[in-house]
Amino acid sequence: MLRVSMLLLLLVALAVAQRTLIRPNPRACATRINHAATFRQGHYYFFSWTHGPTRNHERDWLDARNICRKHCQDLVSIETEDESKFVTDSIQQSNVKYIWTSGRKCNFDGCDRPDLQPIIINGWFWSGSNERIAPTNGTSGWVGEWSQTGGAGLKQPDNREFGETKTDEACLAILNNFYSDGIKWHDVACHHTKPWICEDSDELLNFARHDNPDVKIP
């Protein structure tokens, strides 16, 4: 129920903004690229900076997400320590400055639920998998890789841009030692442009396979 409600809230927010999530293209899904065949076998990952046509491209958060969705994927959702290390190692090996993930803060209509308060701590989720992100002030277990500093010298997330320009930092990016902090998570305004990582979406793959039985989608 929680996963469904979070997804519906996000879809409503995007509709209000007059920018919508696209449907997958079955032919694009069938020919999607796998840049990480040895990690989670059978689960494809795509690095925008490795693929020729997108090597020098940077997109805002929603555009990057829609590029992924066209191929039955979504922006990467980092739900385990192993996956976090895999993403961090990939960024380090290629010396990428920053990337988008599917991380999103619930900052739209319907986000006033008690369990999401305060939003900056409890309101983060992976839009790619519709799973909640651990509270940003968590102290037990794996709570992610939030940076201890940012542009204002504060622990992330800090929503710094909102204080400066009233622009909410509602998307989760990974920055590569931007503030001499290593490769860490930061809250960033969604309109900024960055490279991205896609990963397979079971939901979109099942949808495309069901609606297009004549297309062989691996």
Protein backbone atom coordinates (compact mmCIF):
# COMPACT_ATOMS: atom_id res chain seq x y z
CA MET A 1 0.00 0.00 0.00
CA LEU A 2 2.80 2.42 0.88
CA ARG A 3 4.61 1.77 -2.39
CA VAL A 4 1.45 2.39 -4.42
CA SER A 5 0.58 5.57 -2.55
CA MET A 6 4.06 7.01 -3.05
CA LEU A 7 3.90 6.23 -6.78
CA LEU A 8 0.51 7.88 -7.16
CA LEU A 9 1.72 10.97 -5.33
CA LEU A 10 4.67 11.28 -7.68
CA LEU A 11 2.50 10.84 -10.79
CA VAL A 12 0.15 13.55 -9.56
CA ALA A 13 3.05 15.91 -8.94
CA LEU A 14 4.45 15.36 -12.42
CA ALA A 15 1.05 15.91 -14.02
CA VAL A 16 0.66 19.18 -12.17
CA ALA A 17 4.06 20.25 -13.46
CA GLN A 18 2.83 19.39 -17.01
CA ARG A 19 5.74 17.05 -17.53
CA THR A 20 4.84 13.40 -17.52
CA LEU A 21 6.53 10.04 -17.34
CA ILE A 22 6.64 8.28 -20.71
CA ARG A 23 5.62 4.72 -21.52
CA PRO A 24 8.33 2.21 -22.48
CA ASN A 25 9.09 1.58 -26.14
CA PRO A 26 9.12 -2.22 -26.68
CA ARG A 27 11.72 -2.07 -29.46
CA ALA A 28 14.00 0.07 -27.30
CA CYS A 29 13.46 -2.34 -24.40
CA ALA A 30 14.46 -5.27 -26.59
CA THR A 31 17.73 -3.60 -27.61
CA ARG A 32 18.64 -1.99 -24.28
CA ILE A 33 22.31 -2.06 -23.33
CA ASN A 34 23.84 -3.80 -20.34
CA HIS A 35 27.02 -2.17 -19.05
CA ALA A 36 27.25 -4.35 -15.94
CA ALA A 37 26.70 -7.97 -16.90
CA THR A 38 28.70 -9.26 -13.94
CA PHE A 39 26.67 -7.45 -11.26
CA ARG A 40 23.23 -8.92 -10.51
CA GLN A 41 23.20 -11.29 -13.46
CA GLY A 42 20.26 -10.74 -15.77
CA HIS A 43 19.59 -7.25 -14.35
CA TYR A 44 20.76 -4.61 -16.82
CA TYR A 45 22.44 -1.34 -15.91
CA PHE A 46 23.18 1.53 -18.29
CA PHE A 47 25.82 4.24 -17.73
CA SER A 48 25.13 7.32 -19.86
CA TRP A 49 28.80 8.33 -19.98
CA THR A 50 29.85 4.95 -21.43
CA HIS A 51 27.43 4.89 -24.38
CA GLY A 52 28.60 6.82 -27.46
CA PRO A 53 25.37 8.75 -28.25
CA THR A 54 24.96 9.91 -24.63
CA ARG A 55 28.62 10.12 -23.59
CA ASN A 56 28.63 13.91 -23.40
CA HIS A 57 24.98 14.38 -22.54
CA GLU A 58 23.64 15.74 -19.28
CA ARG A 59 19.92 15.91 -18.57
CA ASP A 60 17.68 17.17 -15.79
CA TRP A 61 16.24 14.58 -13.44
CA LEU A 62 12.95 13.95 -15.25
CA ASP A 63 14.50 13.87 -18.72
CA ALA A 64 17.10 11.36 -17.54
CA ARG A 65 14.36 9.26 -15.96
CA ASN A 66 12.33 9.24 -19.17
CA ILE A 67 15.34 8.15 -21.22
CA CYS A 68 15.62 5.19 -18.88
CA ARG A 69 11.88 4.45 -19.01
CA LYS A 70 11.91 4.36 -22.82
CA HIS A 71 14.15 1.28 -22.44
CA CYS A 72 12.08 -0.44 -19.71
CA GLN A 73 14.45 0.92 -17.08
CA ASP A 74 14.43 3.65 -14.46
CA LEU A 75 17.04 5.75 -12.77
CA VAL A 76 19.08 3.64 -10.39
CA SER A 77 17.67 2.89 -6.93
CA ILE A 78 20.47 2.16 -4.46
CA GLU A 79 18.88 -0.14 -1.91
CA THR A 80 21.81 -2.15 -0.55
CA GLU A 81 25.39 -1.60 0.51
CA ASP A 82 26.61 -3.88 -2.29
CA GLU A 83 24.74 -1.86 -4.90
CA SER A 84 26.07 1.36 -3.39
CA LYS A 85 29.64 0.08 -3.68
CA PHE A 86 29.00 -1.00 -7.26
CA VAL A 87 27.72 2.48 -8.19
CA THR A 88 30.51 4.25 -6.29
CA ASP A 89 33.19 2.09 -7.94
CA SER A 90 31.70 2.80 -11.38
CA ILE A 91 31.77 6.54 -10.76
CA GLN A 92 35.32 6.40 -9.42
CA GLN A 93 36.68 4.26 -12.26
CA SER A 94 35.32 6.64 -14.88
CA ASN A 95 36.03 9.78 -12.86
CA VAL A 96 32.45 11.03 -13.41
CA LYS A 97 31.76 14.34 -11.61
CA TYR A 98 28.20 13.51 -10.58
CA ILE A 99 25.13 11.45 -11.55
CA TRP A 100 21.40 11.30 -11.02
CA THR A 101 19.73 8.50 -9.09
CA SER A 102 15.98 7.86 -8.77
CA GLY A 103 16.03 9.28 -5.22
CA ARG A 104 13.23 11.81 -4.67
CA LYS A 105 11.89 13.85 -1.79
CA CYS A 106 8.14 13.88 -1.28
CA ASN A 107 7.48 17.61 -1.66
CA PHE A 108 4.14 17.70 -3.46
CA ASP A 109 0.42 17.41 -2.66
CA GLY A 110 -0.24 14.53 -0.29
CA CYS A 111 3.16 14.64 1.37
CA ASP A 112 1.76 16.02 4.61
CA ARG A 113 1.27 12.51 6.01
CA PRO A 114 2.50 12.15 9.60
CA ASP A 115 4.84 9.26 8.75
CA LEU A 116 6.74 11.49 6.30
CA GLN A 117 7.43 14.28 8.78
CA PRO A 118 9.81 15.99 8.89
CA ILE A 119 10.09 15.63 5.11
CA ILE A 120 13.83 16.30 4.94
CA ILE A 121 14.40 13.29 7.22
CA ASN A 122 11.56 10.86 6.50
CA GLY A 123 10.29 11.95 3.09
CA TRP A 124 12.88 10.41 0.76
CA PHE A 125 12.12 7.43 -1.49
CA TRP A 126 13.43 5.64 -4.59
CA SER A 127 11.05 6.59 -7.40
CA GLY A 128 12.46 3.78 -9.54
CA SER A 129 11.39 1.04 -7.13
CA ASN A 130 8.86 2.96 -4.96
CA GLU A 131 10.76 1.96 -1.83
CA ARG A 132 11.38 4.31 1.08
CA ILE A 133 14.90 5.54 1.80
CA ALA A 134 16.00 5.17 5.42
CA PRO A 135 15.58 8.29 7.58
CA THR A 136 18.45 10.65 6.83
CA ASN A 137 19.30 10.89 10.53
CA GLY A 138 19.42 7.11 10.98
CA THR A 139 22.10 5.62 13.20
CA SER A 140 21.59 1.85 12.91
CA GLY A 141 22.07 -0.45 9.94
CA TRP A 142 22.90 0.85 6.48
CA VAL A 143 21.34 4.30 6.10
CA GLY A 144 22.86 5.29 2.78
CA GLU A 145 25.84 7.44 1.86
CA TRP A 146 24.72 10.98 2.67
CA SER A 147 27.58 13.47 2.72
CA GLN A 148 28.60 15.16 5.93
CA THR A 149 28.98 18.46 4.12
CA GLY A 150 27.72 20.51 1.21
CA GLY A 151 27.82 24.02 -0.21
CA ALA A 152 26.83 25.47 3.14
CA GLY A 153 29.11 23.15 5.13
CA LEU A 154 26.10 21.23 6.49
CA LYS A 155 25.29 17.52 6.60
CA GLN A 156 23.20 16.39 3.67
CA PRO A 157 20.38 16.71 2.87
CA ASP A 158 20.23 20.42 3.77
CA ASN A 159 17.93 21.95 1.09
CA ARG A 160 20.49 24.75 0.68
CA GLU A 161 19.12 26.15 -2.59
CA PHE A 162 15.70 26.71 -1.07
CA GLY A 163 17.19 29.18 1.37
CA GLU A 164 18.99 30.97 -1.47
CA THR A 165 16.54 30.89 -4.39
CA LYS A 166 13.38 29.17 -3.05
CA THR A 167 14.22 26.20 -5.28
CA ASP A 168 13.63 22.91 -3.46
CA GLU A 169 16.48 20.40 -3.51
CA ALA A 170 14.15 17.45 -4.10
CA CYS A 171 16.29 15.01 -6.11
CA LEU A 172 19.13 12.77 -4.98
CA ALA A 173 22.41 13.05 -6.85
CA ILE A 174 25.76 11.44 -6.18
CA LEU A 175 28.66 13.89 -6.32
CA ASN A 176 32.27 12.84 -6.79
CA ASN A 177 34.31 14.60 -4.10
CA PHE A 178 32.63 17.90 -4.93
CA TYR A 179 33.16 19.20 -1.39
CA SER A 180 36.26 17.13 -0.56
CA ASP A 181 33.88 14.56 0.93
CA GLY A 182 34.42 11.52 -1.30
CA ILE A 183 31.68 10.03 -3.48
CA LYS A 184 28.53 10.86 -1.54
CA TRP A 185 24.79 11.50 -1.74
CA HIS A 186 23.53 15.09 -1.93
CA ASP A 187 20.10 16.66 -2.25
CA VAL A 188 20.05 18.74 -5.44
CA ALA A 189 17.41 20.78 -7.27
CA CYS A 190 15.90 18.59 -9.98
CA HIS A 191 16.39 21.10 -12.81
CA HIS A 192 20.18 20.72 -12.78
CA THR A 193 21.64 18.53 -15.54
CA LYS A 194 23.83 15.49 -14.95
CA PRO A 195 24.85 12.12 -16.40
CA TRP A 196 22.80 9.20 -15.12
CA ILE A 197 22.61 5.47 -14.43
CA CYS A 198 19.58 3.42 -15.49
CA GLU A 199 18.68 -0.03 -14.23
CA ASP A 200 16.04 -2.56 -15.27
CA SER A 201 12.52 -1.96 -13.99
CA ASP A 202 10.66 -5.25 -13.49
CA GLU A 203 7.40 -3.33 -13.58
CA LEU A 204 8.12 -1.75 -16.99
CA LEU A 205 9.63 -4.92 -18.44
CA ASN A 206 6.57 -6.97 -17.44
CA PHE A 207 4.29 -4.30 -18.87
CA ALA A 208 6.14 -4.19 -22.21
CA ARG A 209 6.35 -7.99 -22.49
CA HIS A 210 2.66 -8.42 -21.73
CA ASP A 211 1.52 -5.78 -24.23
CA ASN A 212 3.98 -6.77 -26.96
CA PRO A 213 4.25 -10.58 -27.01
CA ASP A 214 5.69 -10.47 -30.55
CA VAL A 215 8.77 -8.55 -29.36
CA LYS A 216 11.51 -10.58 -27.71
CA ILE A 217 12.51 -8.54 -24.67
CA PRO A 218 15.34 -10.12 -22.62
